[in-house]
Amino acid sequence: MHPPAAAEALLKAPLLREHGSLVIKEPGSATRKDFESATFDPCCCQHSQQVPCLCLPACQPASLPAVDATILGMPLCDYFSAADDQAAVAVLQIPGGTGRADLDVVSLKNIDPVVAMAQLEAIMTGCTYEEASGRPRSGQLLSDPEQSGVIVVSLTDTLTAALASTLPDDLLRFAESWSTTDELRQIGISVESTAGVLGALAGLAQRAHTSGRQLYCRWAL
């Protein structure tokens, strides 16, 4: 193996063990099939303006600290569908989390299920943020926060329905508005990347709606 490639593989190994999305350039648009067949675009220095850079050692300190759920300061948000609240919380008992479970998952970084999702719901349904965040199941904590640094929260049925019924032509319009919110501006995500995230979430919601499931988020704080 070429020495630089070997060094990159060695340094990315602990990131991969923690979560597959940490080594993918666009985790919002990647699928499990892409990951298993190694046909996804790996993270690199060139996209560091959009997400915190993971390519070592060229742009990071030579030593890598212990890997945890918020590696390099990036909270991980796994959006997934489950039959009910009990099944959703049970994900926390699976070693490796949603990445090791037989679940339909969209893995994102820094896009939280409480504020960011309520803002998205307000944009998509034409209501205020206060109305969206006050709806049943909006960012509702379902697991014990004292148990670990990872929790499960629910998403509203209203947001799930809005995502499931969104037309492709509307994705860019919603993405433009969502990308201007404080939470998304802070992570510097582009309109195009935001549209990709929305597309992935819309697909997840459509599959959940078809199978009679609800949406949740496994949030590594």
N, C-alpha and C. Protein backbone atom coordinates (compact mmCIF):
# COMPACT_ATOMS: atom_id res chain seq x y z
N MET A 1 0.84 -1.19 0.00
CA MET A 1 0.00 0.00 0.00
C MET A 1 0.88 1.24 0.00
N HIS A 2 0.45 2.27 -0.75
CA HIS A 2 1.18 3.53 -0.80
C HIS A 2 1.24 4.14 0.60
N PRO A 3 2.42 4.59 1.08
CA PRO A 3 2.55 5.08 2.46
C PRO A 3 1.51 6.12 2.87
N PRO A 4 1.24 7.17 2.06
CA PRO A 4 0.21 8.14 2.48
C PRO A 4 -1.16 7.50 2.64
N ALA A 5 -1.49 6.54 1.72
CA ALA A 5 -2.78 5.87 1.82
C ALA A 5 -2.85 5.01 3.08
N ALA A 6 -1.72 4.36 3.39
CA ALA A 6 -1.68 3.54 4.60
C ALA A 6 -1.86 4.40 5.84
N ALA A 7 -1.22 5.58 5.86
CA ALA A 7 -1.35 6.48 7.02
C ALA A 7 -2.79 6.95 7.18
N GLU A 8 -3.42 7.27 6.04
CA GLU A 8 -4.82 7.72 6.11
C GLU A 8 -5.72 6.62 6.63
N ALA A 9 -5.51 5.37 6.13
CA ALA A 9 -6.33 4.25 6.58
C ALA A 9 -6.15 4.01 8.08
N LEU A 10 -4.91 4.13 8.55
CA LEU A 10 -4.64 3.91 9.96
C LEU A 10 -5.32 4.96 10.83
N LEU A 11 -5.28 6.20 10.38
CA LEU A 11 -5.84 7.29 11.18
C LEU A 11 -7.37 7.33 11.13
N LYS A 12 -7.92 6.84 10.05
CA LYS A 12 -9.38 6.85 9.94
C LYS A 12 -10.02 5.62 10.58
N ALA A 13 -9.23 4.62 10.88
CA ALA A 13 -9.77 3.38 11.47
C ALA A 13 -10.56 3.64 12.75
N PRO A 14 -10.03 4.43 13.72
CA PRO A 14 -10.83 4.67 14.94
C PRO A 14 -12.09 5.47 14.67
N LEU A 15 -12.08 6.32 13.65
CA LEU A 15 -13.29 7.06 13.28
C LEU A 15 -14.34 6.10 12.73
N LEU A 16 -13.91 5.16 11.90
CA LEU A 16 -14.83 4.19 11.34
C LEU A 16 -15.44 3.32 12.42
N ARG A 17 -14.64 2.93 13.41
CA ARG A 17 -15.18 2.11 14.49
C ARG A 17 -16.23 2.86 15.28
N GLU A 18 -16.04 4.18 15.42
CA GLU A 18 -17.01 4.98 16.17
C GLU A 18 -18.30 5.16 15.38
N HIS A 19 -18.17 5.52 14.08
CA HIS A 19 -19.37 5.73 13.27
C HIS A 19 -18.96 5.87 11.81
N GLY A 20 -19.66 5.18 10.94
CA GLY A 20 -19.31 5.20 9.52
C GLY A 20 -19.39 6.57 8.89
N SER A 21 -20.29 7.46 9.37
CA SER A 21 -20.45 8.77 8.76
C SER A 21 -19.22 9.65 8.92
N LEU A 22 -18.33 9.29 9.85
CA LEU A 22 -17.16 10.12 10.09
C LEU A 22 -16.12 10.02 8.97
N VAL A 23 -16.23 9.05 8.10
CA VAL A 23 -15.27 8.91 7.01
C VAL A 23 -15.92 9.14 5.65
N ILE A 24 -17.16 9.65 5.63
CA ILE A 24 -17.89 9.88 4.39
C ILE A 24 -18.00 11.37 4.15
N LYS A 25 -17.70 11.78 2.93
CA LYS A 25 -17.74 13.21 2.59
C LYS A 25 -19.13 13.79 2.71
N GLU A 26 -20.13 13.09 2.17
CA GLU A 26 -21.52 13.56 2.21
C GLU A 26 -22.39 12.49 2.85
N PRO A 27 -22.36 12.36 4.20
CA PRO A 27 -23.12 11.30 4.86
C PRO A 27 -24.62 11.39 4.65
N GLY A 28 -25.12 12.59 4.37
CA GLY A 28 -26.56 12.74 4.17
C GLY A 28 -27.07 12.06 2.92
N SER A 29 -26.20 11.88 1.91
CA SER A 29 -26.64 11.28 0.66
C SER A 29 -26.12 9.86 0.47
N ALA A 30 -25.25 9.38 1.36
CA ALA A 30 -24.70 8.04 1.23
C ALA A 30 -25.70 7.01 1.74
N THR A 31 -25.65 5.81 1.20
CA THR A 31 -26.52 4.74 1.63
C THR A 31 -25.70 3.61 2.22
N ARG A 32 -26.38 2.68 2.90
CA ARG A 32 -25.68 1.54 3.46
C ARG A 32 -25.00 0.73 2.35
N LYS A 33 -25.66 0.63 1.18
CA LYS A 33 -25.07 -0.10 0.07
C LYS A 33 -23.77 0.56 -0.38
N ASP A 34 -23.76 1.91 -0.44
CA ASP A 34 -22.54 2.62 -0.81
C ASP A 34 -21.43 2.31 0.17
N PHE A 35 -21.77 2.31 1.45
CA PHE A 35 -20.77 2.08 2.49
C PHE A 35 -20.20 0.67 2.40
N GLU A 36 -21.08 -0.32 2.25
CA GLU A 36 -20.63 -1.70 2.24
C GLU A 36 -19.84 -2.04 0.98
N SER A 37 -20.14 -1.34 -0.14
CA SER A 37 -19.42 -1.60 -1.38
C SER A 37 -18.25 -0.65 -1.59
N ALA A 38 -18.05 0.28 -0.62
CA ALA A 38 -16.94 1.25 -0.67
C ALA A 38 -17.00 2.12 -1.92
N THR A 39 -18.23 2.53 -2.32
CA THR A 39 -18.38 3.38 -3.49
C THR A 39 -18.70 4.83 -3.12
N PHE A 40 -18.62 5.15 -1.84
CA PHE A 40 -18.88 6.51 -1.39
C PHE A 40 -17.62 7.36 -1.54
N ASP A 41 -17.80 8.71 -1.51
CA ASP A 41 -16.66 9.63 -1.52
C ASP A 41 -16.17 9.80 -0.09
N PRO A 42 -14.89 9.49 0.19
CA PRO A 42 -14.37 9.65 1.55
C PRO A 42 -14.16 11.11 1.88
N CYS A 43 -14.13 11.42 3.17
CA CYS A 43 -13.89 12.79 3.60
C CYS A 43 -12.46 13.17 3.24
N CYS A 44 -12.25 14.46 3.01
CA CYS A 44 -10.92 14.95 2.66
C CYS A 44 -10.82 16.41 3.05
N CYS A 45 -9.64 16.98 2.90
CA CYS A 45 -9.40 18.36 3.31
C CYS A 45 -10.18 19.35 2.46
N GLN A 46 -10.48 18.99 1.21
CA GLN A 46 -11.06 19.95 0.30
C GLN A 46 -12.46 20.38 0.69
N HIS A 47 -13.17 19.56 1.48
CA HIS A 47 -14.53 19.95 1.88
C HIS A 47 -14.58 20.43 3.31
N SER A 48 -13.45 20.82 3.86
CA SER A 48 -13.39 21.21 5.26
C SER A 48 -14.15 22.49 5.56
N GLN A 49 -14.49 23.26 4.52
CA GLN A 49 -15.26 24.48 4.77
C GLN A 49 -16.70 24.15 5.08
N GLN A 50 -17.15 22.94 4.71
CA GLN A 50 -18.53 22.56 4.97
C GLN A 50 -18.69 21.79 6.26
N VAL A 51 -17.74 20.90 6.55
CA VAL A 51 -17.79 20.14 7.79
C VAL A 51 -16.42 20.12 8.39
N PRO A 52 -16.29 19.95 9.71
CA PRO A 52 -14.97 19.89 10.32
C PRO A 52 -14.13 18.81 9.67
N CYS A 53 -12.86 19.12 9.38
CA CYS A 53 -12.01 18.23 8.61
C CYS A 53 -11.62 17.00 9.41
N LEU A 54 -11.61 15.86 8.73
CA LEU A 54 -11.25 14.61 9.38
C LEU A 54 -10.02 13.98 8.76
N CYS A 55 -9.43 14.63 7.78
CA CYS A 55 -8.30 14.05 7.07
C CYS A 55 -7.01 14.34 7.83
N LEU A 56 -6.39 13.31 8.36
CA LEU A 56 -5.19 13.45 9.16
C LEU A 56 -4.02 12.76 8.45
N PRO A 57 -2.76 13.24 8.66
CA PRO A 57 -2.39 14.32 9.55
C PRO A 57 -2.23 15.65 8.86
N ALA A 58 -2.58 15.76 7.59
CA ALA A 58 -2.28 16.97 6.83
C ALA A 58 -2.86 18.23 7.43
N CYS A 59 -4.04 18.14 8.07
CA CYS A 59 -4.67 19.34 8.56
C CYS A 59 -5.11 19.21 10.01
N GLN A 60 -4.58 18.21 10.72
CA GLN A 60 -4.91 18.04 12.11
C GLN A 60 -3.63 17.75 12.88
N PRO A 61 -3.64 17.87 14.21
CA PRO A 61 -2.47 17.54 15.00
C PRO A 61 -2.04 16.10 14.75
N ALA A 62 -0.74 15.84 14.96
CA ALA A 62 -0.20 14.53 14.66
C ALA A 62 -0.81 13.44 15.53
N SER A 63 -1.18 13.76 16.74
CA SER A 63 -1.75 12.75 17.64
C SER A 63 -3.26 12.86 17.66
N LEU A 64 -3.94 11.74 17.63
CA LEU A 64 -5.40 11.70 17.65
C LEU A 64 -5.88 11.37 19.05
N PRO A 65 -6.72 12.22 19.66
CA PRO A 65 -7.21 11.94 21.00
C PRO A 65 -8.17 10.76 20.99
N ALA A 66 -8.49 10.30 22.18
CA ALA A 66 -9.42 9.17 22.30
C ALA A 66 -10.72 9.49 21.59
N VAL A 67 -11.21 8.55 20.81
CA VAL A 67 -12.42 8.76 20.03
C VAL A 67 -13.63 8.54 20.91
N ASP A 68 -14.58 9.47 20.87
CA ASP A 68 -15.84 9.28 21.58
C ASP A 68 -16.98 9.71 20.68
N ALA A 69 -18.18 9.81 21.25
CA ALA A 69 -19.36 10.07 20.44
C ALA A 69 -19.36 11.44 19.80
N THR A 70 -18.57 12.38 20.30
CA THR A 70 -18.51 13.71 19.72
C THR A 70 -17.12 13.96 19.19
N ILE A 71 -16.61 13.03 18.38
CA ILE A 71 -15.27 13.12 17.85
C ILE A 71 -15.04 14.46 17.16
N LEU A 72 -13.94 15.13 17.54
CA LEU A 72 -13.59 16.43 16.98
C LEU A 72 -14.71 17.44 17.11
N GLY A 73 -15.51 17.32 18.17
CA GLY A 73 -16.54 18.30 18.46
C GLY A 73 -17.77 18.22 17.58
N MET A 74 -18.03 17.09 16.94
CA MET A 74 -19.16 16.97 16.04
C MET A 74 -20.21 16.03 16.61
N PRO A 75 -21.28 16.56 17.18
CA PRO A 75 -22.35 15.68 17.65
C PRO A 75 -22.92 14.88 16.48
N LEU A 76 -23.12 13.60 16.70
CA LEU A 76 -23.65 12.72 15.66
C LEU A 76 -25.14 12.53 15.85
N CYS A 77 -25.88 12.69 14.77
CA CYS A 77 -27.33 12.54 14.82
C CYS A 77 -27.75 11.48 13.81
N ASP A 78 -28.18 10.34 14.30
CA ASP A 78 -28.66 9.26 13.45
C ASP A 78 -30.18 9.31 13.42
N TYR A 79 -30.73 9.72 12.30
CA TYR A 79 -32.18 9.75 12.13
C TYR A 79 -32.63 8.39 11.59
N PHE A 80 -33.61 7.80 12.24
CA PHE A 80 -34.02 6.45 11.86
C PHE A 80 -35.51 6.27 12.11
N SER A 81 -36.05 5.20 11.57
CA SER A 81 -37.46 4.88 11.78
C SER A 81 -37.58 3.65 12.67
N ALA A 82 -38.64 3.59 13.44
CA ALA A 82 -38.90 2.45 14.32
C ALA A 82 -40.40 2.30 14.49
N ALA A 83 -40.81 1.11 14.90
CA ALA A 83 -42.23 0.82 15.03
C ALA A 83 -42.89 1.63 16.14
N ASP A 84 -42.15 1.85 17.25
CA ASP A 84 -42.71 2.59 18.37
C ASP A 84 -41.58 3.10 19.25
N ASP A 85 -41.94 3.81 20.31
CA ASP A 85 -40.94 4.41 21.19
C ASP A 85 -40.05 3.36 21.85
N GLN A 86 -40.65 2.25 22.26
CA GLN A 86 -39.88 1.20 22.93
C GLN A 86 -38.82 0.63 21.99
N ALA A 87 -39.19 0.40 20.74
CA ALA A 87 -38.23 -0.14 19.78
C ALA A 87 -37.13 0.88 19.49
N ALA A 88 -37.49 2.15 19.49
CA ALA A 88 -36.50 3.20 19.22
C ALA A 88 -35.47 3.28 20.34
N VAL A 89 -35.92 3.25 21.58
CA VAL A 89 -35.01 3.34 22.72
C VAL A 89 -34.12 2.10 22.81
N ALA A 90 -34.64 0.96 22.36
CA ALA A 90 -33.88 -0.29 22.41
C ALA A 90 -32.61 -0.21 21.55
N VAL A 91 -32.55 0.73 20.63
CA VAL A 91 -31.37 0.91 19.79
C VAL A 91 -30.14 1.22 20.64
N LEU A 92 -30.34 1.87 21.78
CA LEU A 92 -29.22 2.23 22.64
C LEU A 92 -28.53 1.00 23.23
N GLN A 93 -29.21 -0.13 23.23
CA GLN A 93 -28.63 -1.34 23.80
C GLN A 93 -27.83 -2.14 22.77
N ILE A 94 -27.85 -1.69 21.53
CA ILE A 94 -27.15 -2.40 20.46
C ILE A 94 -25.72 -1.88 20.36
N PRO A 95 -24.72 -2.72 20.54
CA PRO A 95 -23.33 -2.26 20.41
C PRO A 95 -23.09 -1.66 19.03
N GLY A 96 -22.55 -0.45 19.02
CA GLY A 96 -22.32 0.21 17.74
C GLY A 96 -23.48 1.05 17.28
N GLY A 97 -24.61 1.00 18.01
CA GLY A 97 -25.76 1.84 17.71
C GLY A 97 -26.44 1.49 16.40
N THR A 98 -27.03 2.51 15.77
CA THR A 98 -27.81 2.29 14.55
C THR A 98 -26.98 1.74 13.42
N GLY A 99 -25.68 2.02 13.43
CA GLY A 99 -24.83 1.52 12.36
C GLY A 99 -24.69 0.02 12.36
N ARG A 100 -24.95 -0.63 13.50
CA ARG A 100 -24.86 -2.08 13.61
C ARG A 100 -26.24 -2.74 13.64
N ALA A 101 -27.29 -1.93 13.65
CA ALA A 101 -28.64 -2.47 13.71
C ALA A 101 -29.23 -2.54 12.30
N ASP A 102 -30.21 -3.38 12.15
CA ASP A 102 -30.89 -3.52 10.86
C ASP A 102 -31.98 -2.46 10.77
N LEU A 103 -31.54 -1.21 10.59
CA LEU A 103 -32.45 -0.08 10.60
C LEU A 103 -32.26 0.77 9.34
N ASP A 104 -33.29 1.53 9.01
CA ASP A 104 -33.22 2.52 7.94
C ASP A 104 -32.71 3.80 8.59
N VAL A 105 -31.51 4.23 8.25
CA VAL A 105 -30.84 5.32 8.98
C VAL A 105 -30.30 6.38 8.02
N VAL A 106 -30.41 7.63 8.44
CA VAL A 106 -29.72 8.75 7.80
C VAL A 106 -28.82 9.37 8.86
N SER A 107 -27.51 9.30 8.66
CA SER A 107 -26.56 9.80 9.64
C SER A 107 -26.08 11.20 9.26
N LEU A 108 -26.21 12.14 10.19
CA LEU A 108 -25.83 13.52 9.96
C LEU A 108 -24.94 14.01 11.09
N LYS A 109 -24.23 15.09 10.84
CA LYS A 109 -23.40 15.71 11.86
C LYS A 109 -23.92 17.13 12.11
N ASN A 110 -24.06 17.48 13.38
CA ASN A 110 -24.37 18.85 13.80
C ASN A 110 -25.76 19.34 13.41
N ILE A 111 -26.65 18.47 12.93
CA ILE A 111 -28.02 18.88 12.61
C ILE A 111 -28.92 18.23 13.65
N ASP A 112 -29.23 18.99 14.69
CA ASP A 112 -29.87 18.40 15.87
C ASP A 112 -31.36 18.17 15.67
N PRO A 113 -31.93 17.23 16.43
CA PRO A 113 -33.34 16.87 16.28
C PRO A 113 -34.30 17.77 17.05
N VAL A 114 -33.80 18.74 17.78
CA VAL A 114 -34.68 19.59 18.58
C VAL A 114 -34.88 20.94 17.88
N VAL A 115 -33.86 21.78 17.88
CA VAL A 115 -34.00 23.12 17.29
C VAL A 115 -34.03 23.06 15.76
N ALA A 116 -33.04 22.40 15.17
CA ALA A 116 -32.95 22.37 13.70
C ALA A 116 -34.17 21.72 13.07
N MET A 117 -34.67 20.64 13.69
CA MET A 117 -35.84 19.97 13.13
C MET A 117 -37.11 20.79 13.30
N ALA A 118 -37.22 21.51 14.41
CA ALA A 118 -38.39 22.38 14.60
C ALA A 118 -38.36 23.53 13.60
N GLN A 119 -37.16 24.04 13.31
CA GLN A 119 -37.04 25.09 12.31
C GLN A 119 -37.43 24.56 10.93
N LEU A 120 -37.00 23.35 10.62
CA LEU A 120 -37.37 22.75 9.34
C LEU A 120 -38.87 22.55 9.26
N GLU A 121 -39.47 22.07 10.34
CA GLU A 121 -40.92 21.85 10.34
C GLU A 121 -41.67 23.16 10.14
N ALA A 122 -41.20 24.23 10.77
CA ALA A 122 -41.85 25.54 10.61
C ALA A 122 -41.79 25.99 9.15
N ILE A 123 -40.64 25.78 8.53
CA ILE A 123 -40.47 26.18 7.13
C ILE A 123 -41.37 25.36 6.22
N MET A 124 -41.42 24.06 6.45
CA MET A 124 -42.16 23.18 5.55
C MET A 124 -43.66 23.25 5.74
N THR A 125 -44.13 23.60 6.93
CA THR A 125 -45.57 23.61 7.21
C THR A 125 -46.14 25.01 7.32
N GLY A 126 -45.29 26.02 7.19
CA GLY A 126 -45.78 27.40 7.20
C GLY A 126 -46.23 27.91 8.55
N CYS A 127 -45.67 27.37 9.63
CA CYS A 127 -46.03 27.83 10.97
C CYS A 127 -44.82 28.52 11.60
N THR A 128 -44.95 28.98 12.83
CA THR A 128 -43.83 29.60 13.53
C THR A 128 -42.98 28.52 14.19
N TYR A 129 -41.76 28.91 14.57
CA TYR A 129 -40.89 27.97 15.27
C TYR A 129 -41.53 27.56 16.60
N GLU A 130 -42.17 28.50 17.28
CA GLU A 130 -42.80 28.20 18.56
C GLU A 130 -43.91 27.17 18.39
N GLU A 131 -44.69 27.29 17.33
CA GLU A 131 -45.76 26.32 17.09
C GLU A 131 -45.18 24.94 16.78
N ALA A 132 -44.15 24.91 15.95
CA ALA A 132 -43.54 23.63 15.59
C ALA A 132 -42.91 22.95 16.79
N SER A 133 -42.18 23.72 17.59
CA SER A 133 -41.50 23.13 18.75
C SER A 133 -42.47 22.74 19.85
N GLY A 134 -43.69 23.27 19.81
CA GLY A 134 -44.69 22.96 20.83
C GLY A 134 -45.59 21.80 20.47
N ARG A 135 -45.41 21.23 19.29
CA ARG A 135 -46.25 20.12 18.87
C ARG A 135 -45.87 18.83 19.59
N PRO A 136 -46.83 17.91 19.73
CA PRO A 136 -46.53 16.63 20.41
C PRO A 136 -45.37 15.91 19.74
N ARG A 137 -44.47 15.38 20.57
CA ARG A 137 -43.33 14.58 20.15
C ARG A 137 -42.19 15.40 19.55
N SER A 138 -42.30 16.71 19.56
CA SER A 138 -41.22 17.54 19.02
C SER A 138 -40.02 17.51 19.96
N GLY A 139 -38.95 16.85 19.55
CA GLY A 139 -37.74 16.76 20.36
C GLY A 139 -37.97 16.14 21.72
N GLN A 140 -38.94 15.24 21.82
CA GLN A 140 -39.27 14.62 23.11
C GLN A 140 -38.21 13.60 23.51
N LEU A 141 -37.66 13.77 24.69
CA LEU A 141 -36.65 12.85 25.19
C LEU A 141 -37.33 11.55 25.62
N LEU A 142 -36.86 10.43 25.07
CA LEU A 142 -37.47 9.13 25.35
C LEU A 142 -36.60 8.25 26.22
N SER A 143 -35.31 8.51 26.25
CA SER A 143 -34.38 7.66 27.00
C SER A 143 -33.87 8.38 28.24
N ASP A 144 -33.17 7.65 29.07
CA ASP A 144 -32.62 8.20 30.31
C ASP A 144 -31.34 8.97 30.01
N PRO A 145 -31.32 10.29 30.21
CA PRO A 145 -30.12 11.09 29.90
C PRO A 145 -28.95 10.78 30.81
N GLU A 146 -29.21 10.16 31.95
CA GLU A 146 -28.13 9.83 32.90
C GLU A 146 -27.43 8.53 32.54
N GLN A 147 -28.02 7.78 31.62
CA GLN A 147 -27.49 6.46 31.33
C GLN A 147 -26.20 6.50 30.51
N SER A 148 -26.11 7.42 29.57
CA SER A 148 -24.93 7.54 28.72
C SER A 148 -24.95 8.89 28.05
N GLY A 149 -23.95 9.13 27.20
CA GLY A 149 -23.89 10.38 26.47
C GLY A 149 -24.69 10.33 25.18
N VAL A 150 -25.50 9.30 25.01
CA VAL A 150 -26.31 9.14 23.81
C VAL A 150 -27.78 9.02 24.22
N ILE A 151 -28.65 9.77 23.55
CA ILE A 151 -30.07 9.76 23.86
C ILE A 151 -30.89 9.49 22.60
N VAL A 152 -32.14 9.18 22.81
CA VAL A 152 -33.09 9.02 21.70
C VAL A 152 -34.22 10.01 21.90
N VAL A 153 -34.52 10.76 20.86
CA VAL A 153 -35.63 11.71 20.90
C VAL A 153 -36.53 11.44 19.70
N SER A 154 -37.77 11.88 19.81
CA SER A 154 -38.75 11.65 18.74
C SER A 154 -38.89 12.88 17.85
N LEU A 155 -39.33 12.64 16.64
CA LEU A 155 -39.71 13.70 15.72
C LEU A 155 -41.23 13.70 15.60
N THR A 156 -41.80 14.82 15.23
CA THR A 156 -43.26 14.91 15.19
C THR A 156 -43.83 14.18 13.98
N ASP A 157 -45.06 13.76 14.13
CA ASP A 157 -45.77 13.14 13.00
C ASP A 157 -46.00 14.18 11.91
N THR A 158 -46.13 15.45 12.30
CA THR A 158 -46.35 16.51 11.33
C THR A 158 -45.14 16.67 10.42
N LEU A 159 -43.94 16.66 11.00
CA LEU A 159 -42.72 16.78 10.20
C LEU A 159 -42.55 15.55 9.31
N THR A 160 -42.83 14.37 9.86
CA THR A 160 -42.71 13.14 9.07
C THR A 160 -43.63 13.20 7.85
N ALA A 161 -44.87 13.65 8.06
CA ALA A 161 -45.83 13.75 6.97
C ALA A 161 -45.39 14.78 5.94
N ALA A 162 -44.85 15.90 6.42
CA ALA A 162 -44.39 16.95 5.50
C ALA A 162 -43.22 16.47 4.66
N LEU A 163 -42.28 15.78 5.29
CA LEU A 163 -41.13 15.25 4.56
C LEU A 163 -41.56 14.18 3.55
N ALA A 164 -42.47 13.32 3.98
CA ALA A 164 -42.91 12.22 3.13
C ALA A 164 -43.66 12.70 1.89
N SER A 165 -44.32 13.84 1.99
CA SER A 165 -45.14 14.34 0.88
C SER A 165 -44.44 15.42 0.06
N THR A 166 -43.20 15.74 0.41
CA THR A 166 -42.47 16.79 -0.29
C THR A 166 -42.12 16.38 -1.71
N LEU A 167 -42.40 17.27 -2.65
CA LEU A 167 -42.05 17.03 -4.04
C LEU A 167 -40.60 17.42 -4.29
N PRO A 168 -39.93 16.75 -5.21
CA PRO A 168 -38.52 17.06 -5.49
C PRO A 168 -38.28 18.53 -5.81
N ASP A 169 -39.23 19.16 -6.51
CA ASP A 169 -39.06 20.57 -6.88
C ASP A 169 -39.08 21.49 -5.68
N ASP A 170 -39.68 21.03 -4.57
CA ASP A 170 -39.77 21.86 -3.37
C ASP A 170 -38.54 21.75 -2.49
N LEU A 171 -37.72 20.73 -2.68
CA LEU A 171 -36.58 20.50 -1.80
C LEU A 171 -35.62 21.68 -1.79
N LEU A 172 -35.28 22.20 -2.97
CA LEU A 172 -34.33 23.30 -3.04
C LEU A 172 -34.90 24.55 -2.38
N ARG A 173 -36.19 24.80 -2.56
CA ARG A 173 -36.82 25.97 -1.95
C ARG A 173 -36.78 25.88 -0.43
N PHE A 174 -37.11 24.72 0.11
CA PHE A 174 -37.03 24.53 1.56
C PHE A 174 -35.58 24.59 2.04
N ALA A 175 -34.68 24.02 1.25
CA ALA A 175 -33.26 24.01 1.63
C ALA A 175 -32.70 25.43 1.70
N GLU A 176 -33.10 26.28 0.79
CA GLU A 176 -32.62 27.67 0.79
C GLU A 176 -33.01 28.37 2.09
N SER A 177 -34.25 28.17 2.52
CA SER A 177 -34.71 28.80 3.76
C SER A 177 -34.05 28.18 4.98
N TRP A 178 -33.96 26.86 4.99
CA TRP A 178 -33.39 26.16 6.15
C TRP A 178 -31.91 26.49 6.32
N SER A 179 -31.19 26.62 5.23
CA SER A 179 -29.75 26.88 5.31
C SER A 179 -29.43 28.26 5.87
N THR A 180 -30.42 29.16 5.91
CA THR A 180 -30.19 30.51 6.45
C THR A 180 -30.47 30.60 7.95
N THR A 181 -30.95 29.51 8.56
CA THR A 181 -31.19 29.53 10.01
C THR A 181 -29.85 29.55 10.75
N ASP A 182 -29.86 30.05 11.97
CA ASP A 182 -28.62 30.19 12.73
C ASP A 182 -27.88 28.87 12.89
N GLU A 183 -28.62 27.79 13.19
CA GLU A 183 -27.98 26.51 13.45
C GLU A 183 -27.22 26.00 12.22
N LEU A 184 -27.81 26.13 11.04
CA LEU A 184 -27.14 25.63 9.84
C LEU A 184 -26.07 26.60 9.35
N ARG A 185 -26.27 27.89 9.55
CA ARG A 185 -25.23 28.85 9.16
C ARG A 185 -23.96 28.66 9.99
N GLN A 186 -24.13 28.26 11.25
CA GLN A 186 -22.97 28.07 12.13
C GLN A 186 -22.07 26.93 11.66
N ILE A 187 -22.63 25.94 10.98
CA ILE A 187 -21.79 24.84 10.49
C ILE A 187 -21.39 25.05 9.04
N GLY A 188 -21.83 26.16 8.44
CA GLY A 188 -21.38 26.51 7.10
C GLY A 188 -21.82 25.57 6.00
N ILE A 189 -22.99 24.97 6.12
CA ILE A 189 -23.46 24.03 5.11
C ILE A 189 -24.07 24.79 3.94
N SER A 190 -23.76 24.37 2.74
CA SER A 190 -24.24 25.05 1.54
C SER A 190 -25.70 24.68 1.26
N VAL A 191 -26.33 25.46 0.38
CA VAL A 191 -27.71 25.17 -0.01
C VAL A 191 -27.79 23.81 -0.68
N GLU A 192 -26.80 23.50 -1.52
CA GLU A 192 -26.79 22.22 -2.23
C GLU A 192 -26.69 21.05 -1.25
N SER A 193 -25.80 21.17 -0.25
CA SER A 193 -25.66 20.11 0.74
C SER A 193 -26.91 20.01 1.59
N THR A 194 -27.52 21.15 1.91
CA THR A 194 -28.77 21.14 2.68
C THR A 194 -29.87 20.43 1.91
N ALA A 195 -29.91 20.67 0.60
CA ALA A 195 -30.90 19.98 -0.24
C ALA A 195 -30.65 18.48 -0.24
N GLY A 196 -29.38 18.07 -0.21
CA GLY A 196 -29.06 16.65 -0.13
C GLY A 196 -29.52 16.04 1.17
N VAL A 197 -29.33 16.77 2.27
CA VAL A 197 -29.80 16.31 3.58
C VAL A 197 -31.32 16.17 3.56
N LEU A 198 -31.99 17.19 3.02
CA LEU A 198 -33.46 17.13 2.95
C LEU A 198 -33.94 15.96 2.11
N GLY A 199 -33.25 15.71 1.01
CA GLY A 199 -33.63 14.59 0.17
C GLY A 199 -33.50 13.26 0.90
N ALA A 200 -32.42 13.12 1.67
CA ALA A 200 -32.21 11.89 2.43
C ALA A 200 -33.27 11.73 3.51
N LEU A 201 -33.60 12.83 4.21
CA LEU A 201 -34.63 12.78 5.25
C LEU A 201 -36.01 12.52 4.64
N ALA A 202 -36.26 13.11 3.47
CA ALA A 202 -37.55 12.88 2.80
C ALA A 202 -37.70 11.41 2.42
N GLY A 203 -36.63 10.81 1.92
CA GLY A 203 -36.67 9.40 1.58
C GLY A 203 -36.93 8.53 2.80
N LEU A 204 -36.26 8.88 3.91
CA LEU A 204 -36.47 8.15 5.16
C LEU A 204 -37.92 8.26 5.60
N ALA A 205 -38.48 9.46 5.53
CA ALA A 205 -39.86 9.68 5.95
C ALA A 205 -40.85 8.93 5.05
N GLN A 206 -40.57 8.91 3.76
CA GLN A 206 -41.46 8.21 2.84
C GLN A 206 -41.49 6.71 3.13
N ARG A 207 -40.32 6.15 3.39
CA ARG A 207 -40.26 4.71 3.70
C ARG A 207 -40.93 4.41 5.05
N ALA A 208 -40.75 5.33 6.01
CA ALA A 208 -41.39 5.16 7.31
C ALA A 208 -42.91 5.23 7.19
N HIS A 209 -43.37 6.19 6.40
CA HIS A 209 -44.82 6.35 6.20
C HIS A 209 -45.42 5.10 5.56
N THR A 210 -44.72 4.54 4.59
CA THR A 210 -45.21 3.36 3.90
C THR A 210 -45.31 2.15 4.82
N SER A 211 -44.34 2.04 5.74
CA SER A 211 -44.30 0.89 6.65
C SER A 211 -44.98 1.14 7.99
N GLY A 212 -45.59 2.31 8.15
CA GLY A 212 -46.31 2.61 9.39
C GLY A 212 -45.40 2.86 10.57
N ARG A 213 -44.19 3.38 10.32
CA ARG A 213 -43.24 3.65 11.39
C ARG A 213 -43.15 5.14 11.68
N GLN A 214 -42.51 5.46 12.79
CA GLN A 214 -42.29 6.85 13.17
C GLN A 214 -40.80 7.17 13.10
N LEU A 215 -40.49 8.47 13.11
CA LEU A 215 -39.10 8.90 13.01
C LEU A 215 -38.54 9.29 14.37
N TYR A 216 -37.25 8.97 14.54
CA TYR A 216 -36.53 9.23 15.79
C TYR A 216 -35.12 9.69 15.46
N CYS A 217 -34.42 10.12 16.50
CA CYS A 217 -33.01 10.46 16.33
C CYS A 217 -32.22 9.92 17.50
N ARG A 218 -31.15 9.21 17.19
CA ARG A 218 -30.16 8.80 18.19
C ARG A 218 -29.10 9.89 18.20
N TRP A 219 -29.04 10.61 19.30
CA TRP A 219 -28.24 11.84 19.37
C TRP A 219 -27.09 11.65 20.35
N ALA A 220 -25.88 11.68 19.80
CA ALA A 220 -24.68 11.58 20.64
C ALA A 220 -24.26 12.98 21.03
N LEU A 221 -24.48 13.33 22.28
CA LEU A 221 -24.24 14.68 22.75
C LEU A 221 -22.78 14.92 23.07
